[in-house]
Protein backbone atom coordinates (compact mmCIF):
# COMPACT_ATOMS: atom_id res chain seq x y z
CA MET A 1 -115.47 -63.51 -161.52
CA SER A 2 -113.67 -64.61 -164.61
CA VAL A 3 -110.21 -64.50 -163.97
CA GLY A 4 -107.02 -64.27 -166.53
CA ASN A 5 -107.36 -67.68 -168.34
CA GLY A 6 -110.81 -67.86 -168.06
CA SER A 7 -111.59 -69.98 -165.43
CA LEU A 8 -113.57 -69.65 -162.79
CA GLU A 9 -112.36 -69.76 -159.48
CA GLY A 10 -114.16 -70.70 -156.69
CA ALA A 11 -117.26 -71.54 -158.24
CA GLU A 12 -119.24 -74.79 -157.96
CA THR A 13 -120.88 -76.22 -160.78
CA PHE A 14 -123.95 -77.60 -159.72
CA THR A 15 -124.87 -80.06 -162.86
CA SER A 16 -127.96 -81.57 -161.42
CA PRO A 17 -131.15 -79.36 -160.73
CA TRP A 18 -131.72 -81.58 -156.91
CA MET A 19 -129.25 -80.71 -154.33
CA ASP A 20 -129.40 -82.33 -150.81
CA THR A 21 -129.00 -79.97 -147.55
CA ASN A 22 -125.35 -79.06 -148.13
CA ALA A 23 -125.15 -78.09 -151.85
CA ALA A 24 -128.31 -76.41 -150.84
CA ALA A 25 -126.35 -74.40 -148.66
CA SER A 26 -123.76 -73.18 -150.88
CA TYR A 27 -125.97 -72.33 -153.68
CA LEU A 28 -127.67 -70.43 -151.53
CA THR A 29 -124.20 -68.60 -149.62
CA LEU A 30 -125.86 -70.26 -146.16
CA ARG A 31 -124.50 -72.81 -143.21
CA PRO A 32 -125.97 -76.29 -143.61
CA ALA A 33 -126.94 -75.87 -140.31
CA THR A 34 -129.56 -72.96 -140.69
CA MET A 35 -131.19 -74.96 -143.59
CA ARG A 36 -132.11 -78.00 -140.92
CA VAL A 37 -133.16 -75.15 -138.59
CA TRP A 38 -135.50 -73.57 -141.13
CA ARG A 39 -136.87 -77.04 -142.45
CA SER A 40 -137.99 -77.86 -138.31
CA GLN A 41 -139.02 -74.74 -137.80
CA GLY A 42 -141.56 -74.91 -141.44
CA LYS A 43 -139.51 -71.64 -142.98
CA GLY A 44 -136.99 -71.92 -145.48
CA PRO A 45 -136.86 -73.13 -149.37
CA ASN A 46 -139.66 -75.61 -150.77
CA TYR A 47 -137.54 -79.40 -150.20
CA LYS A 48 -138.83 -82.84 -151.15
CA LEU A 49 -138.37 -85.92 -149.05
CA VAL A 50 -137.18 -89.08 -151.07
CA GLY A 51 -137.89 -92.00 -150.05
CA GLY A 52 -139.41 -90.43 -146.55
CA ARG A 53 -136.05 -89.79 -145.31
CA LEU A 54 -133.23 -87.58 -148.15
CA VAL A 55 -133.83 -84.23 -148.36
CA ARG A 56 -133.80 -82.86 -151.71
CA TYR A 57 -134.20 -79.20 -152.91
CA HIS A 58 -134.57 -78.74 -156.30
CA ARG A 59 -132.60 -75.15 -157.63
CA ASP A 60 -136.05 -73.50 -158.85
CA ASP A 61 -137.51 -73.66 -155.39
CA LEU A 62 -133.91 -72.11 -154.16
CA ASP A 63 -134.17 -69.56 -156.86
CA ALA A 64 -137.87 -68.54 -155.86
CA PHE A 65 -136.43 -68.21 -151.99
CA ALA A 66 -133.59 -66.40 -152.97
CA ARG A 67 -135.91 -63.43 -154.58
CA GLY A 68 -137.96 -63.91 -151.85
CA GLU A 69 -141.43 -65.84 -153.86
CA VAL A 70 -141.61 -68.82 -150.92
CA GLN A 71 -145.21 -69.51 -150.41
CA ARG A 72 -145.56 -72.08 -147.34
């Protein structure tokens, strides 16, 4: 997606491998609501709870999910 001047148009930069629900949904091109529904149903990519409240997804888990390699 390189544009004439070498910039990436519309691309997001993910510097940390850990993402919140909004960033993870963007990474997978989904809506955050979809991620929340899947979590409540025990579906979707693996995630961690930080401090018992904060949901975080690791990029490797999101990539595995996208490849169909998730085991729950």
